[in-house]
Protein backbone atom coordinates (compact mmCIF):
# COMPACT_ATOMS: atom_id res chain seq x y z
CA MET A 1 -41.03 -30.75 22.19
CA TYR A 2 -41.45 -27.47 20.29
CA ILE A 3 -38.39 -25.27 20.70
CA VAL A 4 -37.84 -21.70 19.47
CA MET A 5 -34.16 -20.74 19.24
CA LEU A 6 -33.58 -17.05 19.99
CA GLY A 7 -30.41 -15.01 19.49
CA GLY A 8 -28.87 -12.57 17.07
CA PRO A 9 -27.68 -13.60 13.60
CA GLY A 10 -24.37 -15.44 14.02
CA SER A 11 -25.06 -16.27 17.69
CA GLY A 12 -24.78 -19.99 16.96
CA LYS A 13 -28.47 -20.92 16.77
CA GLY A 14 -27.99 -22.91 13.58
CA SER A 15 -24.98 -24.90 14.77
CA ALA A 16 -26.65 -25.73 18.09
CA SER A 17 -29.90 -26.64 16.34
CA LYS A 18 -28.17 -29.11 14.00
CA ILE A 19 -26.72 -30.96 17.01
CA LEU A 20 -29.94 -30.71 18.98
CA THR A 21 -32.10 -32.15 16.19
CA ASN A 22 -30.11 -35.40 16.23
CA GLN A 23 -30.30 -35.73 20.00
CA LEU A 24 -34.03 -35.03 20.25
CA ASN A 25 -34.94 -36.69 16.94
CA ILE A 26 -37.09 -33.79 15.77
CA PRO A 27 -36.54 -31.66 12.63
CA HIS A 28 -34.56 -28.43 12.55
CA ILE A 29 -36.53 -25.81 10.62
CA SER A 30 -34.44 -22.84 9.52
CA THR A 31 -36.36 -20.12 7.73
CA GLY A 32 -33.04 -18.74 6.50
CA ASP A 33 -32.17 -22.05 4.82
CA MET A 34 -35.66 -22.29 3.34
CA PHE A 35 -35.40 -18.81 1.84
CA ARG A 36 -31.83 -19.35 0.59
CA GLU A 37 -32.98 -22.47 -1.25
CA GLN A 38 -35.73 -20.46 -2.93
CA ILE A 39 -33.24 -17.70 -3.79
CA LYS A 40 -30.87 -20.24 -5.35
CA LYS A 41 -33.70 -21.65 -7.46
CA GLN A 42 -34.68 -18.09 -8.48
CA THR A 43 -38.35 -18.69 -7.64
CA GLU A 44 -40.74 -15.76 -7.23
CA LEU A 45 -40.63 -16.27 -3.45
CA GLY A 46 -36.83 -16.40 -3.64
CA LYS A 47 -36.61 -13.15 -5.57
CA LEU A 48 -38.97 -11.45 -3.11
CA ALA A 49 -37.04 -12.76 -0.11
CA ASP A 50 -33.69 -11.73 -1.61
CA SER A 51 -34.87 -8.15 -2.10
CA TYR A 52 -35.06 -7.91 1.71
CA ILE A 53 -32.34 -10.31 2.90
CA SER A 54 -29.61 -8.77 0.71
CA LYS A 55 -30.23 -5.45 2.51
CA GLY A 56 -30.14 -7.01 5.99
CA GLN A 57 -33.91 -6.58 6.35
CA LEU A 58 -36.58 -9.07 7.44
CA VAL A 59 -38.83 -10.80 4.94
CA PRO A 60 -42.43 -9.55 5.53
CA ASP A 61 -44.38 -11.43 8.22
CA GLU A 62 -47.17 -12.63 5.95
CA VAL A 63 -44.69 -14.38 3.64
CA THR A 64 -42.62 -15.96 6.41
CA ILE A 65 -45.65 -17.11 8.42
CA GLN A 66 -47.17 -18.89 5.44
CA VAL A 67 -43.91 -20.71 4.68
CA VAL A 68 -43.57 -21.87 8.30
CA LYS A 69 -47.23 -22.89 8.59
CA ASP A 70 -46.85 -25.15 5.58
CA ARG A 71 -43.65 -26.72 6.97
CA LEU A 72 -45.25 -27.41 10.36
CA SER A 73 -47.97 -29.43 8.63
CA TRP A 74 -45.46 -32.04 7.43
CA GLU A 75 -45.57 -35.49 9.02
CA ASP A 76 -42.07 -35.25 10.53
CA ALA A 77 -43.09 -32.16 12.56
CA LYS A 78 -46.00 -33.77 14.43
CA ASN A 79 -43.96 -34.55 17.58
CA GLY A 80 -41.95 -31.34 17.75
CA VAL A 81 -39.50 -29.10 15.89
CA ILE A 82 -36.58 -26.79 16.51
CA LEU A 83 -37.37 -23.41 14.96
CA ASP A 84 -34.33 -21.34 13.98
CA GLY A 85 -34.92 -17.82 12.67
CA PHE A 86 -38.65 -17.82 13.41
CA PRO A 87 -40.41 -16.07 15.02
CA ARG A 88 -38.57 -12.76 14.78
CA THR A 89 -41.44 -10.42 15.64
CA GLU A 90 -44.30 -10.49 18.13
CA GLU A 91 -46.78 -10.87 15.27
CA GLN A 92 -44.90 -13.98 14.11
CA ALA A 93 -44.82 -15.33 17.69
CA LYS A 94 -48.58 -14.92 18.04
CA ALA A 95 -49.11 -16.54 14.63
CA LEU A 96 -46.95 -19.48 15.70
CA ASP A 97 -49.00 -19.89 18.88
CA GLN A 98 -52.18 -19.98 16.80
CA ILE A 99 -50.73 -22.52 14.33
CA LEU A 100 -49.61 -24.82 17.15
CA GLU A 101 -52.82 -24.34 19.13
CA GLU A 102 -54.80 -25.61 16.12
CA GLN A 103 -52.74 -28.81 16.44
CA GLY A 104 -53.12 -29.00 20.21
CA LYS A 105 -49.47 -28.02 20.69
CA LYS A 106 -47.51 -25.10 22.17
CA VAL A 107 -43.98 -23.67 22.40
CA ASP A 108 -42.29 -25.59 25.21
CA LEU A 109 -38.93 -23.81 25.43
CA ALA A 110 -37.29 -20.66 24.03
CA PRO A 111 -33.50 -20.75 24.60
CA GLU A 112 -31.91 -17.33 24.08
CA LEU A 113 -28.22 -17.29 23.10
CA ARG A 114 -26.57 -14.14 24.45
CA ILE A 115 -23.31 -13.44 22.59
CA PRO A 116 -21.38 -10.09 22.46
CA ASP A 117 -21.72 -8.24 19.14
CA GLU A 118 -17.97 -8.19 18.51
CA ILE A 119 -17.84 -11.98 18.75
CA ILE A 120 -20.87 -12.34 16.45
CA ILE A 121 -19.26 -10.11 13.81
CA GLN A 122 -16.03 -12.15 13.91
CA ARG A 123 -18.03 -15.35 13.72
CA VAL A 124 -19.97 -14.23 10.66
CA VAL A 125 -17.24 -12.62 8.55
CA ASN A 126 -15.00 -15.66 9.08
CA ARG A 127 -17.74 -18.29 8.64
CA VAL A 128 -17.53 -20.98 5.96
CA MET A 129 -19.77 -24.02 5.50
CA CYS A 130 -19.78 -27.32 3.71
CA SER A 131 -21.25 -27.14 0.20
CA ASN A 132 -22.69 -30.62 0.72
CA LYS A 133 -26.19 -29.97 2.12
CA GLU A 134 -26.40 -33.47 3.59
CA CYS A 135 -23.35 -32.61 5.72
CA GLY A 136 -23.88 -28.90 6.42
CA ALA A 137 -20.82 -28.59 8.70
CA ILE A 138 -19.93 -25.02 9.69
CA TYR A 139 -16.42 -23.72 10.41
CA ASN A 140 -14.86 -20.43 11.44
CA LEU A 141 -11.54 -19.47 9.86
CA LYS A 142 -10.51 -17.69 13.08
CA PHE A 143 -12.03 -19.67 15.95
CA ASN A 144 -12.61 -23.15 14.49
CA PRO A 145 -10.81 -23.59 11.14
CA PRO A 146 -10.93 -26.79 9.04
CA LYS A 147 -7.86 -29.03 9.10
CA LYS A 148 -7.33 -28.46 5.37
CA THR A 149 -8.01 -25.04 3.88
CA GLY A 150 -11.21 -24.98 1.86
CA ILE A 151 -12.11 -28.62 2.56
CA CYS A 152 -14.69 -30.05 4.97
CA ASP A 153 -13.15 -32.23 7.69
CA ILE A 154 -16.20 -34.49 7.74
CA CYS A 155 -17.06 -35.28 4.12
CA GLY A 156 -14.25 -33.72 2.08
CA SER A 157 -16.52 -31.37 0.11
CA GLU A 158 -15.62 -27.79 -0.78
CA LEU A 159 -16.25 -25.10 1.82
CA ILE A 160 -18.15 -22.00 0.76
CA SER A 161 -19.19 -18.70 2.35
CA ARG A 162 -22.54 -16.94 2.16
CA SER A 163 -22.73 -13.77 0.07
CA ASP A 164 -24.37 -11.90 2.96
CA ASP A 165 -21.61 -12.81 5.45
CA ASN A 166 -19.92 -9.41 5.46
CA GLU A 167 -19.43 -6.84 8.22
CA GLN A 168 -21.89 -4.20 7.02
CA THR A 169 -24.70 -6.67 6.41
CA ILE A 170 -24.24 -8.37 9.79
CA LYS A 171 -24.29 -4.98 11.53
CA ASP A 172 -27.54 -4.14 9.71
CA ARG A 173 -28.99 -7.53 10.66
CA LEU A 174 -28.00 -7.08 14.30
CA SER A 175 -29.60 -3.64 14.35
CA THR A 176 -32.82 -5.11 12.93
CA TYR A 177 -32.69 -7.99 15.42
CA TYR A 178 -32.32 -5.72 18.45
CA LYS A 179 -35.26 -3.58 17.31
CA ASN A 180 -37.48 -6.65 17.47
CA SER A 181 -35.82 -8.86 20.08
CA LYS A 182 -36.84 -7.11 23.31
CA VAL A 183 -40.57 -7.52 22.72
CA LEU A 184 -40.00 -11.12 21.61
CA VAL A 185 -37.87 -11.96 24.66
CA ASP A 186 -40.47 -10.33 26.91
CA TYR A 187 -43.22 -12.30 25.13
CA TYR A 188 -41.64 -15.69 25.88
CA LYS A 189 -40.55 -14.60 29.35
CA ALA A 190 -44.17 -13.83 30.16
CA LYS A 191 -45.11 -17.32 28.99
CA GLY A 192 -42.50 -18.84 31.29
CA VAL A 193 -40.54 -20.60 28.54
CA LEU A 194 -37.58 -18.21 28.07
CA TYR A 195 -34.20 -19.77 28.88
CA PRO A 196 -31.22 -17.34 28.58
CA ILE A 197 -27.86 -18.99 27.82
CA CYS A 198 -24.51 -17.18 28.05
CA PRO A 199 -21.76 -19.57 26.84
CA GLU A 200 -18.66 -19.45 29.07
CA ASP A 201 -16.40 -19.08 26.00
CA PRO A 202 -18.36 -18.32 22.80
CA THR A 203 -15.16 -18.51 20.71
CA ALA A 204 -14.40 -22.11 21.72
CA GLY A 205 -14.73 -24.79 19.07
CA ASN A 206 -17.15 -26.74 21.29
CA ALA A 207 -19.33 -23.73 22.19
CA SER A 208 -22.33 -25.15 20.32
CA VAL A 209 -21.96 -28.50 22.08
CA ARG A 210 -21.99 -26.78 25.48
CA VAL A 211 -25.12 -24.81 24.50
CA VAL A 212 -26.87 -28.04 23.48
CA GLU A 213 -25.89 -29.70 26.76
CA LYS A 214 -27.56 -26.86 28.66
CA ILE A 215 -30.73 -27.14 26.54
CA ILE A 216 -30.90 -30.93 26.93
CA GLU A 217 -30.47 -30.55 30.69
CA LYS A 218 -33.31 -28.02 30.76
CA CYS A 219 -35.53 -30.37 28.72
CA HIS A 220 -34.90 -33.17 31.22
CA GLN A 221 -35.85 -30.86 34.09
CA MET A 222 -39.14 -30.08 32.36
CA ASN A 223 -40.10 -33.76 31.90
């Protein structure tokens, strides 16, 4: 099952994907995480990516496509993946189709998380995450705070926030997303794989779980 998660930055794609990957037993591929790792290591790719990401802009298609193509060639991706943060443009979507077609595969489902901007902004500016990458738990200081300030409930590691999790950057990222999202949504709608999801209460602590339940149910209907 090849799944493309759609939705604005901070819509909950990452949280839902982390739950979904365990239930479907396929890898979660986040281009954002891949770029942040390169930025942390101060590689040439990381420096290039940071020059765009720090301004709320998209990394150029040719760079992102090559990174994803390489990742999709790994052994663990042969039976499906959950793509989070890619594609973000029609050019990227067409490139993904070509990459998968070469492997005899295709995008099976494109869930679209529809969350109001004001909720997304509050999610992002109050977001903290576990510093332990093997855990990766995400909390929200307003909607879903940890039991102990600054400490992960699950593994006890320190909680940290991303440097780009501020109001101005998220507004810039949302603006960029909306410029590209309509054509992307229309693209997957035309292919018959778009699946809009509007969580009943996007501020609830179990919002991601409810989103995953809807996606799993849709997957079962398709089989």
